[in-house]
Amino acid sequence: MKIEKGVPHLNSDQHSRYFNIVAIEFHLQQLNQLKISCVAVVKHIDRLEAKLAHITKDLEPADLFLELIELS
C-alpha cells in the first residue's frame, strides 16, 4: 500500500499506532520462529495477537492503511 499510495502523513496518534503494529508483528514473528511450545511463551503470543487484533480492529492491511490516513 505504501508503494502504491506513497508515504502517509499521519498525526502523532496514528503514527504511534502504526509503529506499535509494526513492533508487535515483529515480536510475534521472532517468537514464532523460535518454535517454543512452553506455556508461558504460548500465552505471551496469544496476548500479543489479541493486542494486535485490538489495535488493528481486525482490518485488512489496505483498510487499516486507509483508516490511519482518515483518522490523521
N, C-alpha and C. Protein backbone atom coordinates (compact mmCIF):
# COMPACT_ATOMS: atom_id res chain seq x y z
N MET A 1 0.82 -1.19 0.00
CA MET A 1 0.00 0.00 0.00
C MET A 1 0.86 1.25 0.00
N LYS A 2 1.93 1.24 0.80
CA LYS A 2 2.79 2.41 0.88
C LYS A 2 3.41 2.71 -0.47
N ILE A 3 3.78 1.68 -1.20
CA ILE A 3 4.40 1.87 -2.51
C ILE A 3 3.37 2.43 -3.49
N GLU A 4 2.16 1.91 -3.45
CA GLU A 4 1.10 2.36 -4.35
C GLU A 4 0.65 3.79 -4.05
N LYS A 5 0.41 4.09 -2.79
CA LYS A 5 -0.20 5.36 -2.40
C LYS A 5 0.81 6.38 -1.88
N GLY A 6 2.04 5.96 -1.66
CA GLY A 6 3.05 6.86 -1.12
C GLY A 6 3.08 6.82 0.40
N VAL A 7 4.01 7.53 0.97
CA VAL A 7 4.16 7.57 2.42
C VAL A 7 3.03 8.40 3.01
N PRO A 8 2.28 7.82 3.95
CA PRO A 8 1.16 8.57 4.52
C PRO A 8 1.65 9.64 5.49
N HIS A 9 0.92 10.73 5.57
CA HIS A 9 1.21 11.77 6.55
C HIS A 9 0.25 11.55 7.71
N LEU A 10 0.79 11.00 8.80
CA LEU A 10 -0.04 10.61 9.94
C LEU A 10 0.17 11.59 11.09
N ASN A 11 -0.89 11.79 11.87
CA ASN A 11 -0.72 12.57 13.09
C ASN A 11 0.00 11.71 14.12
N SER A 12 0.33 12.27 15.25
CA SER A 12 1.17 11.54 16.22
C SER A 12 0.47 10.30 16.77
N ASP A 13 -0.85 10.36 16.98
CA ASP A 13 -1.57 9.19 17.49
C ASP A 13 -1.54 8.03 16.50
N GLN A 14 -1.81 8.33 15.24
CA GLN A 14 -1.83 7.27 14.23
C GLN A 14 -0.42 6.79 13.91
N HIS A 15 0.55 7.68 14.02
CA HIS A 15 1.95 7.29 13.82
C HIS A 15 2.36 6.29 14.90
N SER A 16 2.00 6.58 16.15
CA SER A 16 2.29 5.67 17.26
C SER A 16 1.58 4.34 17.06
N ARG A 17 0.33 4.40 16.63
CA ARG A 17 -0.44 3.17 16.37
C ARG A 17 0.25 2.33 15.31
N TYR A 18 0.68 2.99 14.22
CA TYR A 18 1.36 2.30 13.12
C TYR A 18 2.61 1.58 13.62
N PHE A 19 3.44 2.29 14.40
CA PHE A 19 4.68 1.67 14.86
C PHE A 19 4.44 0.63 15.94
N ASN A 20 3.37 0.76 16.71
CA ASN A 20 3.01 -0.30 17.66
C ASN A 20 2.65 -1.57 16.90
N ILE A 21 1.93 -1.43 15.81
CA ILE A 21 1.56 -2.58 14.99
C ILE A 21 2.81 -3.25 14.43
N VAL A 22 3.71 -2.44 13.90
CA VAL A 22 4.96 -2.97 13.34
C VAL A 22 5.76 -3.70 14.42
N ALA A 23 5.87 -3.10 15.60
CA ALA A 23 6.65 -3.71 16.68
C ALA A 23 6.04 -5.03 17.14
N ILE A 24 4.72 -5.06 17.29
CA ILE A 24 4.05 -6.29 17.73
C ILE A 24 4.20 -7.39 16.68
N GLU A 25 4.03 -7.03 15.41
CA GLU A 25 4.19 -8.04 14.35
C GLU A 25 5.61 -8.58 14.31
N PHE A 26 6.60 -7.71 14.50
CA PHE A 26 8.00 -8.17 14.52
C PHE A 26 8.23 -9.11 15.70
N HIS A 27 7.72 -8.73 16.85
CA HIS A 27 7.89 -9.54 18.06
C HIS A 27 7.23 -10.91 17.88
N LEU A 28 6.03 -10.92 17.32
CA LEU A 28 5.34 -12.19 17.06
C LEU A 28 6.13 -13.05 16.08
N GLN A 29 6.66 -12.44 15.04
CA GLN A 29 7.45 -13.18 14.05
C GLN A 29 8.66 -13.82 14.72
N GLN A 30 9.34 -13.08 15.56
CA GLN A 30 10.52 -13.61 16.24
C GLN A 30 10.15 -14.76 17.18
N LEU A 31 9.08 -14.61 17.93
CA LEU A 31 8.66 -15.67 18.84
C LEU A 31 8.23 -16.92 18.08
N ASN A 32 7.52 -16.74 16.97
CA ASN A 32 7.09 -17.90 16.18
C ASN A 32 8.26 -18.61 15.52
N GLN A 33 9.29 -17.89 15.17
CA GLN A 33 10.47 -18.52 14.57
C GLN A 33 11.22 -19.38 15.58
N LEU A 34 11.10 -19.05 16.85
CA LEU A 34 11.78 -19.84 17.88
C LEU A 34 11.15 -21.22 18.05
N LYS A 35 9.87 -21.32 17.71
CA LYS A 35 9.12 -22.57 17.79
C LYS A 35 9.20 -23.20 19.18
N ILE A 36 9.00 -22.37 20.19
CA ILE A 36 8.98 -22.83 21.58
C ILE A 36 7.53 -23.07 21.96
N SER A 37 7.25 -24.24 22.52
CA SER A 37 5.87 -24.56 22.89
C SER A 37 5.65 -24.47 24.40
N CYS A 38 6.49 -23.74 25.08
CA CYS A 38 6.36 -23.50 26.52
C CYS A 38 5.05 -22.74 26.78
N VAL A 39 4.37 -23.07 27.84
CA VAL A 39 3.08 -22.46 28.16
C VAL A 39 3.19 -20.95 28.29
N ALA A 40 4.23 -20.46 28.93
CA ALA A 40 4.41 -19.03 29.11
C ALA A 40 4.58 -18.31 27.77
N VAL A 41 5.34 -18.90 26.88
CA VAL A 41 5.56 -18.30 25.56
C VAL A 41 4.28 -18.32 24.75
N VAL A 42 3.55 -19.41 24.79
CA VAL A 42 2.29 -19.51 24.06
C VAL A 42 1.30 -18.48 24.57
N LYS A 43 1.22 -18.29 25.89
CA LYS A 43 0.33 -17.28 26.46
C LYS A 43 0.76 -15.88 26.03
N HIS A 44 2.07 -15.65 26.01
CA HIS A 44 2.59 -14.35 25.58
C HIS A 44 2.21 -14.08 24.12
N ILE A 45 2.36 -15.09 23.28
CA ILE A 45 1.98 -14.95 21.86
C ILE A 45 0.48 -14.67 21.75
N ASP A 46 -0.32 -15.37 22.51
CA ASP A 46 -1.78 -15.14 22.49
C ASP A 46 -2.13 -13.71 22.90
N ARG A 47 -1.45 -13.21 23.94
CA ARG A 47 -1.70 -11.83 24.39
C ARG A 47 -1.31 -10.82 23.31
N LEU A 48 -0.16 -11.07 22.67
CA LEU A 48 0.28 -10.17 21.61
C LEU A 48 -0.68 -10.20 20.42
N GLU A 49 -1.16 -11.38 20.07
CA GLU A 49 -2.11 -11.50 18.96
C GLU A 49 -3.42 -10.79 19.29
N ALA A 50 -3.86 -10.89 20.54
CA ALA A 50 -5.08 -10.19 20.96
C ALA A 50 -4.88 -8.68 20.92
N LYS A 51 -3.72 -8.24 21.36
CA LYS A 51 -3.41 -6.82 21.35
C LYS A 51 -3.35 -6.30 19.91
N LEU A 52 -2.76 -7.08 19.02
CA LEU A 52 -2.68 -6.71 17.62
C LEU A 52 -4.07 -6.63 17.00
N ALA A 53 -4.91 -7.58 17.31
CA ALA A 53 -6.28 -7.58 16.79
C ALA A 53 -7.04 -6.35 17.29
N HIS A 54 -6.80 -5.97 18.54
CA HIS A 54 -7.46 -4.80 19.11
C HIS A 54 -6.98 -3.52 18.42
N ILE A 55 -5.68 -3.39 18.25
CA ILE A 55 -5.12 -2.18 17.65
C ILE A 55 -5.53 -2.04 16.18
N THR A 56 -5.54 -3.16 15.47
CA THR A 56 -5.87 -3.11 14.04
C THR A 56 -7.37 -3.23 13.78
N LYS A 57 -8.13 -3.54 14.80
CA LYS A 57 -9.58 -3.75 14.68
C LYS A 57 -9.88 -4.87 13.68
N ASP A 58 -8.96 -5.80 13.54
CA ASP A 58 -9.07 -6.93 12.61
C ASP A 58 -9.31 -6.49 11.16
N LEU A 59 -8.82 -5.32 10.82
CA LEU A 59 -8.97 -4.82 9.45
C LEU A 59 -7.91 -5.42 8.54
N GLU A 60 -8.24 -5.54 7.28
CA GLU A 60 -7.26 -5.95 6.28
C GLU A 60 -6.24 -4.82 6.15
N PRO A 61 -5.00 -5.13 5.74
CA PRO A 61 -3.97 -4.09 5.66
C PRO A 61 -4.38 -2.86 4.84
N ALA A 62 -5.01 -3.06 3.70
CA ALA A 62 -5.43 -1.92 2.87
C ALA A 62 -6.44 -1.04 3.60
N ASP A 63 -7.39 -1.68 4.26
CA ASP A 63 -8.41 -0.93 5.00
C ASP A 63 -7.80 -0.22 6.21
N LEU A 64 -6.86 -0.88 6.87
CA LEU A 64 -6.18 -0.28 8.01
C LEU A 64 -5.39 0.94 7.57
N PHE A 65 -4.70 0.83 6.46
CA PHE A 65 -3.92 1.92 5.90
C PHE A 65 -4.83 3.14 5.65
N LEU A 66 -5.97 2.89 5.04
CA LEU A 66 -6.91 3.98 4.76
C LEU A 66 -7.47 4.59 6.05
N GLU A 67 -7.73 3.74 7.03
CA GLU A 67 -8.23 4.26 8.32
C GLU A 67 -7.19 5.13 9.00
N LEU A 68 -5.94 4.72 8.97
CA LEU A 68 -4.87 5.51 9.57
C LEU A 68 -4.82 6.90 8.94
N ILE A 69 -4.97 6.94 7.63
CA ILE A 69 -4.93 8.22 6.93
C ILE A 69 -6.16 9.05 7.27
N GLU A 70 -7.33 8.42 7.28
CA GLU A 70 -8.58 9.15 7.58
C GLU A 70 -8.57 9.75 8.97
N LEU A 71 -8.01 9.02 9.94
CA LEU A 71 -8.02 9.50 11.33
C LEU A 71 -6.92 10.53 11.62
N SER A 72 -6.04 10.74 10.65
CA SER A 72 -4.96 11.71 10.84
C SER A 72 -5.43 13.12 10.54
